[in-house]
Amino acid sequence: MREYVWVPEGSVKPGTTIQLSDPIPLEPTDSESSAQVEQVWTLPYFRNQDIKPPASLKLTHGETAILETISHDWFVRLGCLYYRGKFAQGGCWIAIVRGSQSTHQ
């Protein structure tokens, strides 16, 4: 299952000089097997909240999207996705892939 999520611009966090997006609450899914976040893709050409990426967008690393690395660029904790990828400050669309439908190309 793929879903698109707008990552709003974050703020400078206390004790740092880095602007980071806030945690993103994850919507619960119908089945346990599809709840696991498998991949997070940054969509660098979709930086406007009003222009949602099309459902048919082919996720190709380095062309249409950037496949982010778990632990380094994103992680899930207490039902929230912490995005620290290419645009960690926010202001971009990301694609979240759950379950076993990994789409790495």
Protein backbone atom coordinates (compact mmCIF):
# COMPACT_ATOMS: atom_id res chain seq x y z
CA MET A 1 0.00 0.00 0.00
CA ARG A 2 1.36 3.41 -0.98
CA GLU A 3 0.19 6.68 0.52
CA TYR A 4 1.31 10.24 -0.08
CA VAL A 5 1.88 12.52 2.88
CA TRP A 6 2.67 16.23 2.88
CA VAL A 7 5.50 17.05 5.29
CA PRO A 8 4.91 20.59 6.59
CA GLU A 9 7.87 22.86 7.23
CA GLY A 10 9.24 22.28 10.70
CA SER A 11 10.94 24.53 13.18
CA VAL A 12 14.36 24.84 14.78
CA LYS A 13 14.42 22.32 17.61
CA PRO A 14 15.58 23.35 21.11
CA GLY A 15 19.31 23.03 21.61
CA THR A 16 20.05 22.93 17.87
CA THR A 17 20.30 25.25 14.90
CA ILE A 18 18.69 22.72 12.58
CA GLN A 19 15.17 23.05 11.19
CA LEU A 20 13.41 19.67 11.34
CA SER A 21 9.92 18.56 10.42
CA ASP A 22 7.63 17.42 13.22
CA PRO A 23 6.75 13.72 13.70
CA ILE A 24 4.06 12.53 11.28
CA PRO A 25 1.22 10.53 12.89
CA LEU A 26 0.65 7.30 10.95
CA GLU A 27 -2.91 6.30 10.15
CA PRO A 28 -3.75 2.81 11.40
CA THR A 29 -4.33 0.15 8.75
CA ASP A 30 -6.90 -2.62 8.48
CA SER A 31 -4.44 -5.48 8.76
CA GLU A 32 -1.38 -6.09 10.88
CA SER A 33 0.68 -7.20 7.86
CA SER A 34 0.25 -3.90 6.02
CA ALA A 35 0.93 -1.72 9.06
CA GLN A 36 4.72 -1.98 8.82
CA VAL A 37 6.37 0.91 6.96
CA GLU A 38 8.74 -0.69 4.45
CA GLN A 39 9.94 2.30 2.42
CA VAL A 40 9.89 6.08 2.48
CA TRP A 41 10.45 7.99 -0.75
CA THR A 42 11.08 11.74 -1.02
CA LEU A 43 9.43 13.33 -4.04
CA PRO A 44 11.76 16.25 -4.87
CA TYR A 45 9.64 17.54 -7.76
CA PHE A 46 6.55 17.91 -5.55
CA ARG A 47 7.35 20.76 -3.17
CA ASN A 48 3.91 22.43 -3.26
CA GLN A 49 1.20 21.21 -0.89
CA ASP A 50 -1.50 22.04 -3.43
CA ILE A 51 -0.01 19.75 -6.10
CA LYS A 52 -0.42 16.17 -4.90
CA PRO A 53 1.62 13.53 -6.75
CA PRO A 54 -0.42 11.29 -9.08
CA ALA A 55 -1.23 7.78 -7.87
CA SER A 56 0.39 6.42 -11.04
CA LEU A 57 3.78 8.06 -10.32
CA LYS A 58 6.54 5.51 -10.93
CA LEU A 59 8.99 5.66 -8.02
CA THR A 60 12.45 5.50 -9.57
CA HIS A 61 15.40 6.30 -7.31
CA GLY A 62 17.41 9.24 -8.61
CA GLU A 63 14.85 10.14 -11.27
CA THR A 64 11.34 10.71 -9.93
CA ALA A 65 12.04 10.08 -6.25
CA ILE A 66 14.70 9.42 -3.63
CA LEU A 67 14.53 6.16 -1.71
CA GLU A 68 15.38 7.07 1.87
CA THR A 69 17.31 4.76 4.21
CA ILE A 70 15.65 3.43 7.36
CA SER A 71 17.34 4.54 10.61
CA HIS A 72 19.46 7.17 8.83
CA ASP A 73 16.68 9.09 7.03
CA TRP A 74 13.52 7.91 8.79
CA PHE A 75 12.22 5.78 11.64
CA VAL A 76 8.91 4.94 13.30
CA ARG A 77 8.35 5.41 17.01
CA LEU A 78 5.10 5.31 19.01
CA GLY A 79 2.89 5.46 15.91
CA CYS A 80 4.72 8.40 14.31
CA LEU A 81 7.08 8.61 11.36
CA TYR A 82 10.17 10.72 11.99
CA TYR A 83 11.36 11.95 8.59
CA ARG A 84 14.99 13.10 8.40
CA GLY A 85 15.55 12.56 4.68
CA LYS A 86 16.59 14.81 1.82
CA PHE A 87 14.22 17.62 2.86
CA ALA A 88 14.29 17.07 6.64
CA GLN A 89 13.14 20.65 7.17
CA GLY A 90 9.82 19.73 5.51
CA GLY A 91 7.95 21.38 2.67
CA CYS A 92 7.71 18.29 0.46
CA TRP A 93 5.58 15.28 -0.39
CA ILE A 94 6.77 11.81 0.57
CA ALA A 95 5.49 8.38 -0.44
CA ILE A 96 5.11 5.84 2.35
CA VAL A 97 5.04 2.20 1.27
CA ARG A 98 3.63 -0.29 3.78
CA GLY A 99 3.49 -4.06 3.81
CA SER A 100 5.24 -6.24 1.29
CA GLN A 101 4.63 -4.01 -1.74
CA SER A 102 8.15 -2.61 -1.93
CA THR A 103 8.64 -0.73 -5.18
CA HIS A 104 12.41 -0.21 -5.38
CA GLN A 105 13.55 0.38 -8.94
